[in-house]
Amino acid sequence: QIFNEDRYCGDYEDFFHSKENNTVFAFLGLKSKPSIK
């Protein structure tokens, strides 16, 4: 089960669908992929 702090993001099925749709960062409540720097 995945949360961002106290906000529920979803379960594995939700994560899988977000990965397939290339929307994982939005699913996780993150702005974008962190840069290497």
PDB file of all heavy atoms in Angstrom:
ATOM      1  N   GLN A   1       0.879  -1.163   0.000  1.00  0.00           N
ATOM      2  CA  GLN A   1       0.000   0.000   0.000  1.00  0.00           C
ATOM      3  C   GLN A   1       0.919   1.216   0.000  1.00  0.00           C
ATOM      4  O   GLN A   1       1.933   1.234   0.693  1.00  0.00           O
ATOM      5  CB  GLN A   1      -0.913   0.012   1.232  1.00  0.00           C
ATOM      6  CG  GLN A   1      -1.869  -1.152   1.293  1.00  0.00           C
ATOM      7  CD  GLN A   1      -2.960  -1.094   0.224  1.00  0.00           C
ATOM      8  OE1 GLN A   1      -3.364  -0.024  -0.228  1.00  0.00           O
ATOM      9  NE2 GLN A   1      -3.431  -2.264  -0.190  1.00  0.00           N
ATOM     10  N   ILE A   2       0.563   2.220  -0.781  1.00  0.00           N
ATOM     11  CA  ILE A   2       1.468   3.344  -1.011  1.00  0.00           C
ATOM     12  C   ILE A   2       0.805   4.649  -0.572  1.00  0.00           C
ATOM     13  O   ILE A   2      -0.350   4.916  -0.924  1.00  0.00           O
ATOM     14  CB  ILE A   2       1.858   3.416  -2.499  1.00  0.00           C
ATOM     15  CG1 ILE A   2       2.434   2.060  -2.949  1.00  0.00           C
ATOM     16  CG2 ILE A   2       2.847   4.553  -2.753  1.00  0.00           C
ATOM     17  CD1 ILE A   2       2.443   1.842  -4.432  1.00  0.00           C
ATOM     18  N   PHE A   3       1.575   5.431   0.181  1.00  0.00           N
ATOM     19  CA  PHE A   3       1.133   6.735   0.665  1.00  0.00           C
ATOM     20  C   PHE A   3       2.201   7.765   0.333  1.00  0.00           C
ATOM     21  O   PHE A   3       3.380   7.431   0.200  1.00  0.00           O
ATOM     22  CB  PHE A   3       0.959   6.717   2.193  1.00  0.00           C
ATOM     23  CG  PHE A   3      -0.217   5.922   2.685  1.00  0.00           C
ATOM     24  CD1 PHE A   3      -0.150   4.539   2.772  1.00  0.00           C
ATOM     25  CD2 PHE A   3      -1.385   6.556   3.072  1.00  0.00           C
ATOM     26  CE1 PHE A   3      -1.226   3.805   3.238  1.00  0.00           C
ATOM     27  CE2 PHE A   3      -2.465   5.832   3.542  1.00  0.00           C
ATOM     28  CZ  PHE A   3      -2.397   4.445   3.618  1.00  0.00           C
ATOM     29  N   ASN A   4       1.799   9.021   0.249  1.00  0.00           N
ATOM     30  CA  ASN A   4       2.742  10.138   0.238  1.00  0.00           C
ATOM     31  C   ASN A   4       2.423  10.905   1.513  1.00  0.00           C
ATOM     32  O   ASN A   4       1.391  11.569   1.595  1.00  0.00           O
ATOM     33  CB  ASN A   4       2.569  11.029  -0.989  1.00  0.00           C
ATOM     34  CG  ASN A   4       3.649  12.087  -1.054  1.00  0.00           C
ATOM     35  OD1 ASN A   4       4.154  12.539  -0.032  1.00  0.00           O
ATOM     36  ND2 ASN A   4       4.007  12.493  -2.264  1.00  0.00           N
ATOM     37  N   GLU A   5       3.302  10.764   2.507  1.00  0.00           N
ATOM     38  CA  GLU A   5       3.030  11.235   3.869  1.00  0.00           C
ATOM     39  C   GLU A   5       1.725  10.570   4.323  1.00  0.00           C
ATOM     40  O   GLU A   5       1.676   9.359   4.382  1.00  0.00           O
ATOM     41  CB  GLU A   5       2.965  12.760   3.936  1.00  0.00           C
ATOM     42  CG  GLU A   5       4.267  13.447   3.631  1.00  0.00           C
ATOM     43  CD  GLU A   5       5.372  13.230   4.662  1.00  0.00           C
ATOM     44  OE1 GLU A   5       5.077  12.856   5.808  1.00  0.00           O
ATOM     45  OE2 GLU A   5       6.541  13.434   4.303  1.00  0.00           O
ATOM     46  N   ASP A   6       0.684  11.371   4.590  1.00  0.00           N
ATOM     47  CA  ASP A   6      -0.586  10.809   5.059  1.00  0.00           C
ATOM     48  C   ASP A   6      -1.600  10.628   3.939  1.00  0.00           C
ATOM     49  O   ASP A   6      -2.711  10.161   4.185  1.00  0.00           O
ATOM     50  CB  ASP A   6      -1.196  11.720   6.134  1.00  0.00           C
ATOM     51  CG  ASP A   6      -0.347  11.765   7.391  1.00  0.00           C
ATOM     52  OD1 ASP A   6       0.509  10.871   7.574  1.00  0.00           O
ATOM     53  OD2 ASP A   6      -0.535  12.696   8.197  1.00  0.00           O
ATOM     54  N   ARG A   7      -1.253  11.009   2.717  1.00  0.00           N
ATOM     55  CA  ARG A   7      -2.188  10.916   1.588  1.00  0.00           C
ATOM     56  C   ARG A   7      -2.076   9.547   0.935  1.00  0.00           C
ATOM     57  O   ARG A   7      -1.002   9.126   0.513  1.00  0.00           O
ATOM     58  CB  ARG A   7      -1.883  12.004   0.556  1.00  0.00           C
ATOM     59  CG  ARG A   7      -2.888  12.013  -0.611  1.00  0.00           C
ATOM     60  CD  ARG A   7      -2.516  13.038  -1.661  1.00  0.00           C
ATOM     61  NE  ARG A   7      -1.325  12.670  -2.414  1.00  0.00           N
ATOM     62  CZ  ARG A   7      -1.293  11.799  -3.430  1.00  0.00           C
ATOM     63  NH1 ARG A   7      -2.394  11.181  -3.808  1.00  0.00           N
ATOM     64  NH2 ARG A   7      -0.173  11.546  -4.062  1.00  0.00           N
ATOM     65  N   TYR A   8      -3.216   8.859   0.860  1.00  0.00           N
ATOM     66  CA  TYR A   8      -3.239   7.539   0.234  1.00  0.00           C
ATOM     67  C   TYR A   8      -3.085   7.686  -1.274  1.00  0.00           C
ATOM     68  O   TYR A   8      -3.823   8.421  -1.930  1.00  0.00           O
ATOM     69  CB  TYR A   8      -4.567   6.837   0.562  1.00  0.00           C
ATOM     70  CG  TYR A   8      -4.671   5.443   0.003  1.00  0.00           C
ATOM     71  CD1 TYR A   8      -3.848   4.426   0.467  1.00  0.00           C
ATOM     72  CD2 TYR A   8      -5.602   5.139  -0.983  1.00  0.00           C
ATOM     73  CE1 TYR A   8      -3.945   3.136  -0.037  1.00  0.00           C
ATOM     74  CE2 TYR A   8      -5.710   3.852  -1.487  1.00  0.00           C
ATOM     75  CZ  TYR A   8      -4.881   2.859  -1.012  1.00  0.00           C
ATOM     76  OH  TYR A   8      -4.980   1.588  -1.507  1.00  0.00           O
ATOM     77  N   CYS A   9      -2.099   6.976  -1.832  1.00  0.00           N
ATOM     78  CA  CYS A   9      -1.882   6.971  -3.279  1.00  0.00           C
ATOM     79  C   CYS A   9      -2.616   5.795  -3.919  1.00  0.00           C
ATOM     80  O   CYS A   9      -3.288   5.954  -4.934  1.00  0.00           O
ATOM     81  CB  CYS A   9      -0.396   6.882  -3.598  1.00  0.00           C
ATOM     82  SG  CYS A   9       0.568   8.277  -2.991  1.00  0.00           S
ATOM     83  N   GLY A  10      -2.443   4.596  -3.336  1.00  0.00           N
ATOM     84  CA  GLY A  10      -3.116   3.422  -3.886  1.00  0.00           C
ATOM     85  C   GLY A  10      -2.390   2.143  -3.538  1.00  0.00           C
ATOM     86  O   GLY A  10      -1.432   2.122  -2.769  1.00  0.00           O
ATOM     87  N   ASP A  11      -2.866   1.074  -4.155  1.00  0.00           N
ATOM     88  CA  ASP A  11      -2.289  -0.250  -3.940  1.00  0.00           C
ATOM     89  C   ASP A  11      -1.445  -0.637  -5.159  1.00  0.00           C
ATOM     90  O   ASP A  11      -1.170   0.192  -6.030  1.00  0.00           O
ATOM     91  CB  ASP A  11      -3.379  -1.280  -3.664  1.00  0.00           C
ATOM     92  CG  ASP A  11      -4.397  -1.404  -4.799  1.00  0.00           C
ATOM     93  OD1 ASP A  11      -4.166  -0.862  -5.910  1.00  0.00           O
ATOM     94  OD2 ASP A  11      -5.428  -2.052  -4.582  1.00  0.00           O
ATOM     95  N   TYR A  12      -1.051  -1.904  -5.206  1.00  0.00           N
ATOM     96  CA  TYR A  12      -0.182  -2.327  -6.311  1.00  0.00           C
ATOM     97  C   TYR A  12      -0.874  -2.168  -7.661  1.00  0.00           C
ATOM     98  O   TYR A  12      -0.254  -1.727  -8.638  1.00  0.00           O
ATOM     99  CB  TYR A  12       0.269  -3.781  -6.143  1.00  0.00           C
ATOM    100  CG  TYR A  12       1.103  -4.194  -7.338  1.00  0.00           C
ATOM    101  CD1 TYR A  12       2.418  -3.747  -7.464  1.00  0.00           C
ATOM    102  CD2 TYR A  12       0.566  -4.954  -8.374  1.00  0.00           C
ATOM    103  CE1 TYR A  12       3.174  -4.056  -8.581  1.00  0.00           C
ATOM    104  CE2 TYR A  12       1.321  -5.267  -9.493  1.00  0.00           C
ATOM    105  CZ  TYR A  12       2.617  -4.813  -9.587  1.00  0.00           C
ATOM    106  OH  TYR A  12       3.363  -5.115 -10.701  1.00  0.00           O
ATOM    107  N   GLU A  13      -2.138  -2.498  -7.745  1.00  0.00           N
ATOM    108  CA  GLU A  13      -2.854  -2.389  -9.016  1.00  0.00           C
ATOM    109  C   GLU A  13      -2.860  -0.943  -9.521  1.00  0.00           C
ATOM    110  O   GLU A  13      -2.633  -0.684 -10.700  1.00  0.00           O
ATOM    111  CB  GLU A  13      -4.291  -2.905  -8.855  1.00  0.00           C
ATOM    112  CG  GLU A  13      -5.028  -3.029 -10.160  1.00  0.00           C
ATOM    113  CD  GLU A  13      -6.378  -3.703  -9.993  1.00  0.00           C
ATOM    114  OE1 GLU A  13      -6.462  -4.722  -9.295  1.00  0.00           O
ATOM    115  OE2 GLU A  13      -7.341  -3.183 -10.580  1.00  0.00           O
ATOM    116  N   ASP A  14      -3.084   0.002  -8.608  1.00  0.00           N
ATOM    117  CA  ASP A  14      -3.054   1.419  -8.987  1.00  0.00           C
ATOM    118  C   ASP A  14      -1.654   1.816  -9.461  1.00  0.00           C
ATOM    119  O   ASP A  14      -1.504   2.536 -10.443  1.00  0.00           O
ATOM    120  CB  ASP A  14      -3.445   2.300  -7.793  1.00  0.00           C
ATOM    121  CG  ASP A  14      -4.844   2.023  -7.296  1.00  0.00           C
ATOM    122  OD1 ASP A  14      -5.743   1.789  -8.127  1.00  0.00           O
ATOM    123  OD2 ASP A  14      -5.037   2.035  -6.063  1.00  0.00           O
ATOM    124  N   PHE A  15      -0.633   1.357  -8.726  1.00  0.00           N
ATOM    125  CA  PHE A  15       0.749   1.638  -9.103  1.00  0.00           C
ATOM    126  C   PHE A  15       1.048   1.075 -10.491  1.00  0.00           C
ATOM    127  O   PHE A  15       1.614   1.756 -11.345  1.00  0.00           O
ATOM    128  CB  PHE A  15       1.704   1.029  -8.065  1.00  0.00           C
ATOM    129  CG  PHE A  15       3.137   1.016  -8.512  1.00  0.00           C
ATOM    130  CD1 PHE A  15       3.910   2.168  -8.450  1.00  0.00           C
ATOM    131  CD2 PHE A  15       3.710  -0.143  -9.002  1.00  0.00           C
ATOM    132  CE1 PHE A  15       5.229   2.151  -8.882  1.00  0.00           C
ATOM    133  CE2 PHE A  15       5.029  -0.168  -9.429  1.00  0.00           C
ATOM    134  CZ  PHE A  15       5.788   0.997  -9.370  1.00  0.00           C
ATOM    135  N   PHE A  16       0.645  -0.169 -10.727  1.00  0.00           N
ATOM    136  CA  PHE A  16       0.893  -0.822 -12.007  1.00  0.00           C
ATOM    137  C   PHE A  16       0.260  -0.026 -13.154  1.00  0.00           C
ATOM    138  O   PHE A  16       0.902   0.224 -14.176  1.00  0.00           O
ATOM    139  CB  PHE A  16       0.352  -2.255 -11.985  1.00  0.00           C
ATOM    140  CG  PHE A  16       0.536  -2.974 -13.288  1.00  0.00           C
ATOM    141  CD1 PHE A  16       1.761  -3.547 -13.606  1.00  0.00           C
ATOM    142  CD2 PHE A  16      -0.500  -3.063 -14.204  1.00  0.00           C
ATOM    143  CE1 PHE A  16       1.940  -4.208 -14.823  1.00  0.00           C
ATOM    144  CE2 PHE A  16      -0.331  -3.722 -15.413  1.00  0.00           C
ATOM    145  CZ  PHE A  16       0.888  -4.289 -15.727  1.00  0.00           C
ATOM    146  N   HIS A  17      -1.003   0.394 -12.975  1.00  0.00           N
ATOM    147  CA  HIS A  17      -1.675   1.164 -14.028  1.00  0.00           C
ATOM    148  C   HIS A  17      -0.980   2.503 -14.266  1.00  0.00           C
ATOM    149  O   HIS A  17      -0.840   2.934 -15.423  1.00  0.00           O
ATOM    150  CB  HIS A  17      -3.151   1.370 -13.707  1.00  0.00           C
ATOM    151  CG  HIS A  17      -3.962   0.116 -13.799  1.00  0.00           C
ATOM    152  ND1 HIS A  17      -4.058  -0.637 -14.946  1.00  0.00           N
ATOM    153  CD2 HIS A  17      -4.693  -0.541 -12.869  1.00  0.00           C
ATOM    154  CE1 HIS A  17      -4.815  -1.703 -14.734  1.00  0.00           C
ATOM    155  NE2 HIS A  17      -5.206  -1.668 -13.468  1.00  0.00           N
ATOM    156  N   SER A  18      -0.520   3.144 -13.194  1.00  0.00           N
ATOM    157  CA  SER A  18       0.164   4.425 -13.372  1.00  0.00           C
ATOM    158  C   SER A  18       1.500   4.220 -14.094  1.00  0.00           C
ATOM    159  O   SER A  18       1.917   5.059 -14.897  1.00  0.00           O
ATOM    160  CB  SER A  18       0.367   5.142 -12.034  1.00  0.00           C
ATOM    161  OG  SER A  18       1.336   4.501 -11.242  1.00  0.00           O
ATOM    162  N   LYS A  19       2.157   3.100 -13.816  1.00  0.00           N
ATOM    163  CA  LYS A  19       3.421   2.797 -14.503  1.00  0.00           C
ATOM    164  C   LYS A  19       3.161   2.548 -15.992  1.00  0.00           C
ATOM    165  O   LYS A  19       3.889   3.062 -16.843  1.00  0.00           O
ATOM    166  CB  LYS A  19       4.066   1.561 -13.850  1.00  0.00           C
ATOM    167  CG  LYS A  19       5.529   1.420 -14.137  1.00  0.00           C
ATOM    168  CD  LYS A  19       6.197   0.428 -13.214  1.00  0.00           C
ATOM    169  CE  LYS A  19       6.007  -0.977 -13.684  1.00  0.00           C
ATOM    170  NZ  LYS A  19       6.886  -1.949 -13.026  1.00  0.00           N
ATOM    171  N   GLU A  20       2.122   1.805 -16.298  1.00  0.00           N
ATOM    172  CA  GLU A  20       1.768   1.526 -17.696  1.00  0.00           C
ATOM    173  C   GLU A  20       1.408   2.793 -18.456  1.00  0.00           C
ATOM    174  O   GLU A  20       1.667   2.905 -19.650  1.00  0.00           O
ATOM    175  CB  GLU A  20       0.584   0.542 -17.757  1.00  0.00           C
ATOM    176  CG  GLU A  20       0.927  -0.852 -17.304  1.00  0.00           C
ATOM    177  CD  GLU A  20       1.862  -1.563 -18.271  1.00  0.00           C
ATOM    178  OE1 GLU A  20       1.556  -1.625 -19.468  1.00  0.00           O
ATOM    179  OE2 GLU A  20       2.918  -2.044 -17.810  1.00  0.00           O
ATOM    180  N   ASN A  21       0.800   3.752 -17.746  1.00  0.00           N
ATOM    181  CA  ASN A  21       0.367   5.010 -18.374  1.00  0.00           C
ATOM    182  C   ASN A  21       1.407   6.124 -18.242  1.00  0.00           C
ATOM    183  O   ASN A  21       1.127   7.263 -18.601  1.00  0.00           O
ATOM    184  CB  ASN A  21      -0.959   5.475 -17.767  1.00  0.00           C
ATOM    185  CG  ASN A  21      -2.084   4.527 -18.086  1.00  0.00           C
ATOM    186  OD1 ASN A  21      -2.192   4.021 -19.203  1.00  0.00           O
ATOM    187  ND2 ASN A  21      -2.932   4.258 -17.107  1.00  0.00           N
ATOM    188  N   ASN A  22       2.579   5.776 -17.698  1.00  0.00           N
ATOM    189  CA  ASN A  22       3.656   6.736 -17.512  1.00  0.00           C
ATOM    190  C   ASN A  22       3.219   7.941 -16.666  1.00  0.00           C
ATOM    191  O   ASN A  22       3.538   9.083 -16.971  1.00  0.00           O
ATOM    192  CB  ASN A  22       4.211   7.193 -18.864  1.00  0.00           C
ATOM    193  CG  ASN A  22       5.618   7.738 -18.740  1.00  0.00           C
ATOM    194  OD1 ASN A  22       6.359   7.382 -17.828  1.00  0.00           O
ATOM    195  ND2 ASN A  22       5.985   8.624 -19.652  1.00  0.00           N
ATOM    196  N   THR A  23       2.452   7.658 -15.600  1.00  0.00           N
ATOM    197  CA  THR A  23       1.958   8.716 -14.712  1.00  0.00           C
ATOM    198  C   THR A  23       2.324   8.445 -13.255  1.00  0.00           C
ATOM    199  O   THR A  23       1.648   8.906 -12.345  1.00  0.00           O
ATOM    200  CB  THR A  23       0.425   8.862 -14.836  1.00  0.00           C
ATOM    201  OG1 THR A  23      -0.184   7.599 -14.511  1.00  0.00           O
ATOM    202  CG2 THR A  23       0.000   9.296 -16.228  1.00  0.00           C
ATOM    203  N   VAL A  24       3.409   7.706 -13.028  1.00  0.00           N
ATOM    204  CA  VAL A  24       3.774   7.312 -11.657  1.00  0.00           C
ATOM    205  C   VAL A  24       4.044   8.515 -10.769  1.00  0.00           C
ATOM    206  O   VAL A  24       3.636   8.537  -9.614  1.00  0.00           O
ATOM    207  CB  VAL A  24       4.983   6.355 -11.647  1.00  0.00           C
ATOM    208  CG1 VAL A  24       5.425   6.054 -10.224  1.00  0.00           C
ATOM    209  CG2 VAL A  24       4.648   5.063 -12.364  1.00  0.00           C
ATOM    210  N   PHE A  25       4.720   9.535 -11.300  1.00  0.00           N
ATOM    211  CA  PHE A  25       5.056  10.680 -10.453  1.00  0.00           C
ATOM    212  C   PHE A  25       3.798  11.408  -9.997  1.00  0.00           C
ATOM    213  O   PHE A  25       3.705  11.818  -8.840  1.00  0.00           O
ATOM    214  CB  PHE A  25       6.066  11.589 -11.145  1.00  0.00           C
ATOM    215  CG  PHE A  25       7.382  10.886 -11.325  1.00  0.00           C
ATOM    216  CD1 PHE A  25       7.688  10.228 -12.504  1.00  0.00           C
ATOM    217  CD2 PHE A  25       8.284  10.814 -10.282  1.00  0.00           C
ATOM    218  CE1 PHE A  25       8.882   9.537 -12.653  1.00  0.00           C
ATOM    219  CE2 PHE A  25       9.479  10.123 -10.407  1.00  0.00           C
ATOM    220  CZ  PHE A  25       9.778   9.481 -11.595  1.00  0.00           C
ATOM    221  N   ALA A  26       2.823  11.550 -10.871  1.00  0.00           N
ATOM    222  CA  ALA A  26       1.541  12.147 -10.476  1.00  0.00           C
ATOM    223  C   ALA A  26       0.831  11.241  -9.476  1.00  0.00           C
ATOM    224  O   ALA A  26       0.281  11.716  -8.474  1.00  0.00           O
ATOM    225  CB  ALA A  26       0.663  12.385 -11.700  1.00  0.00           C
ATOM    226  N   PHE A  27       0.837   9.937  -9.709  1.00  0.00           N
ATOM    227  CA  PHE A  27       0.236   8.960  -8.790  1.00  0.00           C
ATOM    228  C   PHE A  27       0.833   9.093  -7.392  1.00  0.00           C
ATOM    229  O   PHE A  27       0.118   9.053  -6.391  1.00  0.00           O
ATOM    230  CB  PHE A  27       0.453   7.546  -9.349  1.00  0.00           C
ATOM    231  CG  PHE A  27       0.215   6.440  -8.371  1.00  0.00           C
ATOM    232  CD1 PHE A  27      -1.073   6.080  -7.998  1.00  0.00           C
ATOM    233  CD2 PHE A  27       1.274   5.738  -7.821  1.00  0.00           C
ATOM    234  CE1 PHE A  27      -1.288   5.049  -7.092  1.00  0.00           C
ATOM    235  CE2 PHE A  27       1.064   4.710  -6.914  1.00  0.00           C
ATOM    236  CZ  PHE A  27      -0.226   4.360  -6.553  1.00  0.00           C
ATOM    237  N   LEU A  28       2.151   9.276  -7.327  1.00  0.00           N
ATOM    238  CA  LEU A  28       2.833   9.396  -6.038  1.00  0.00           C
ATOM    239  C   LEU A  28       2.722  10.791  -5.432  1.00  0.00           C
ATOM    240  O   LEU A  28       3.162  11.008  -4.303  1.00  0.00           O
ATOM    241  CB  LEU A  28       4.316   9.036  -6.195  1.00  0.00           C
ATOM    242  CG  LEU A  28       4.616   7.592  -6.585  1.00  0.00           C
ATOM    243  CD1 LEU A  28       6.103   7.429  -6.886  1.00  0.00           C
ATOM    244  CD2 LEU A  28       4.172   6.631  -5.491  1.00  0.00           C
ATOM    245  N   GLY A  29       2.144  11.730  -6.166  1.00  0.00           N
ATOM    246  CA  GLY A  29       2.032  13.098  -5.674  1.00  0.00           C
ATOM    247  C   GLY A  29       3.338  13.859  -5.753  1.00  0.00           C
ATOM    248  O   GLY A  29       3.572  14.789  -4.991  1.00  0.00           O
ATOM    249  N   LEU A  30       4.195  13.473  -6.709  1.00  0.00           N
ATOM    250  CA  LEU A  30       5.489  14.125  -6.899  1.00  0.00           C
ATOM    251  C   LEU A  30       5.446  14.984  -8.152  1.00  0.00           C
ATOM    252  O   LEU A  30       4.739  14.662  -9.107  1.00  0.00           O
ATOM    253  CB  LEU A  30       6.593  13.072  -7.032  1.00  0.00           C
ATOM    254  CG  LEU A  30       6.734  12.099  -5.861  1.00  0.00           C
ATOM    255  CD1 LEU A  30       7.754  11.023  -6.193  1.00  0.00           C
ATOM    256  CD2 LEU A  30       7.102  12.837  -4.588  1.00  0.00           C
ATOM    257  N   LYS A  31       6.230  16.046  -8.153  1.00  0.00           N
ATOM    258  CA  LYS A  31       6.228  16.960  -9.297  1.00  0.00           C
ATOM    259  C   LYS A  31       6.840  16.331 -10.538  1.00  0.00           C
ATOM    260  O   LYS A  31       6.301  16.411 -11.603  1.00  0.00           O
ATOM    261  CB  LYS A  31       6.936  18.253  -8.935  1.00  0.00           C
ATOM    262  CG  LYS A  31       6.218  19.018  -7.843  1.00  0.00           C
ATOM    263  CD  LYS A  31       6.617  20.467  -7.840  1.00  0.00           C
ATOM    264  CE  LYS A  31       6.013  21.247  -6.688  1.00  0.00           C
ATOM    265  NZ  LYS A  31       4.602  21.246  -6.594  1.00  0.00           N
ATOM    266  N   SER A  32       8.002  15.713 -10.385  1.00  0.00           N
ATOM    267  CA  SER A  32       8.662  15.100 -11.539  1.00  0.00           C
ATOM    268  C   SER A  32       9.772  14.189 -11.052  1.00  0.00           C
ATOM    269  O   SER A  32      10.089  14.143  -9.862  1.00  0.00           O
ATOM    270  CB  SER A  32       9.241  16.170 -12.467  1.00  0.00           C
ATOM    271  OG  SER A  32      10.248  16.895 -11.790  1.00  0.00           O
ATOM    272  N   LYS A  33      10.371  13.497 -11.999  1.00  0.00           N
ATOM    273  CA  LYS A  33      11.487  12.613 -11.677  1.00  0.00           C
ATOM    274  C   LYS A  33      12.652  13.436 -11.145  1.00  0.00           C
ATOM    275  O   LYS A  33      13.008  14.453 -11.731  1.00  0.00           O
ATOM    276  CB  LYS A  33      11.908  11.854 -12.947  1.00  0.00           C
ATOM    277  CG  LYS A  33      13.002  10.854 -12.721  1.00  0.00           C
ATOM    278  CD  LYS A  33      13.281  10.083 -13.988  1.00  0.00           C
ATOM    279  CE  LYS A  33      14.380   9.073 -13.760  1.00  0.00           C
ATOM    280  NZ  LYS A  33      14.596   8.236 -14.918  1.00  0.00           N
ATOM    281  N   PRO A  34      13.245  13.013 -10.011  1.00  0.00           N
ATOM    282  CA  PRO A  34      14.383  13.774  -9.488  1.00  0.00           C
ATOM    283  C   PRO A  34      15.566  13.704 -10.445  1.00  0.00           C
ATOM    284  O   PRO A  34      15.797  12.689 -11.089  1.00  0.00           O
ATOM    285  CB  PRO A  34      14.713  13.073  -8.162  1.00  0.00           C
ATOM    286  CG  PRO A  34      14.061  11.741  -8.236  1.00  0.00           C
ATOM    287  CD  PRO A  34      12.941  11.840  -9.227  1.00  0.00           C
ATOM    288  N   SER A  35      16.281  14.808 -10.535  1.00  0.00           N
ATOM    289  CA  SER A  35      17.462  14.809 -11.398  1.00  0.00           C
ATOM    290  C   SER A  35      18.609  14.143 -10.670  1.00  0.00           C
ATOM    291  O   SER A  35      18.607  14.022  -9.446  1.00  0.00           O
ATOM    292  CB  SER A  35      17.843  16.240 -11.790  1.00  0.00           C
ATOM    293  OG  SER A  35      18.336  16.931 -10.653  1.00  0.00           O
ATOM    294  N   ILE A  36      19.618  13.713 -11.419  1.00  0.00           N
ATOM    295  CA  ILE A  36      20.784  13.066 -10.812  1.00  0.00           C
ATOM    296  C   ILE A  36      21.459  14.030  -9.846  1.00  0.00           C
ATOM    297  O   ILE A  36      21.871  13.656  -8.765  1.00  0.00           O
ATOM    298  CB  ILE A  36      21.746  12.577 -11.908  1.00  0.00           C
ATOM    299  CG1 ILE A  36      21.085  11.445 -12.692  1.00  0.00           C
ATOM    300  CG2 ILE A  36      23.072  12.130 -11.318  1.00  0.00           C
ATOM    301  CD1 ILE A  36      21.859  10.971 -13.894  1.00  0.00           C
ATOM    302  N   LYS A  37      21.511  15.306 -10.206  1.00  0.00           N
ATOM    303  CA  LYS A  37      22.141  16.298  -9.343  1.00  0.00           C
ATOM    304  C   LYS A  37      21.406  16.389  -8.005  1.00  0.00           C
ATOM    305  O   LYS A  37      22.020  16.469  -6.965  1.00  0.00           O
ATOM    306  CB  LYS A  37      22.140  17.656 -10.043  1.00  0.00           C
ATOM    307  CG  LYS A  37      22.926  18.704  -9.309  1.00  0.00           C
ATOM    308  CD  LYS A  37      22.978  19.981 -10.110  1.00  0.00           C
ATOM    309  CE  LYS A  37      23.870  20.993  -9.441  1.00  0.00           C
ATOM    310  NZ  LYS A  37      23.983  22.224 -10.192  1.00  0.00           N
TER     311      LYS A  37
END
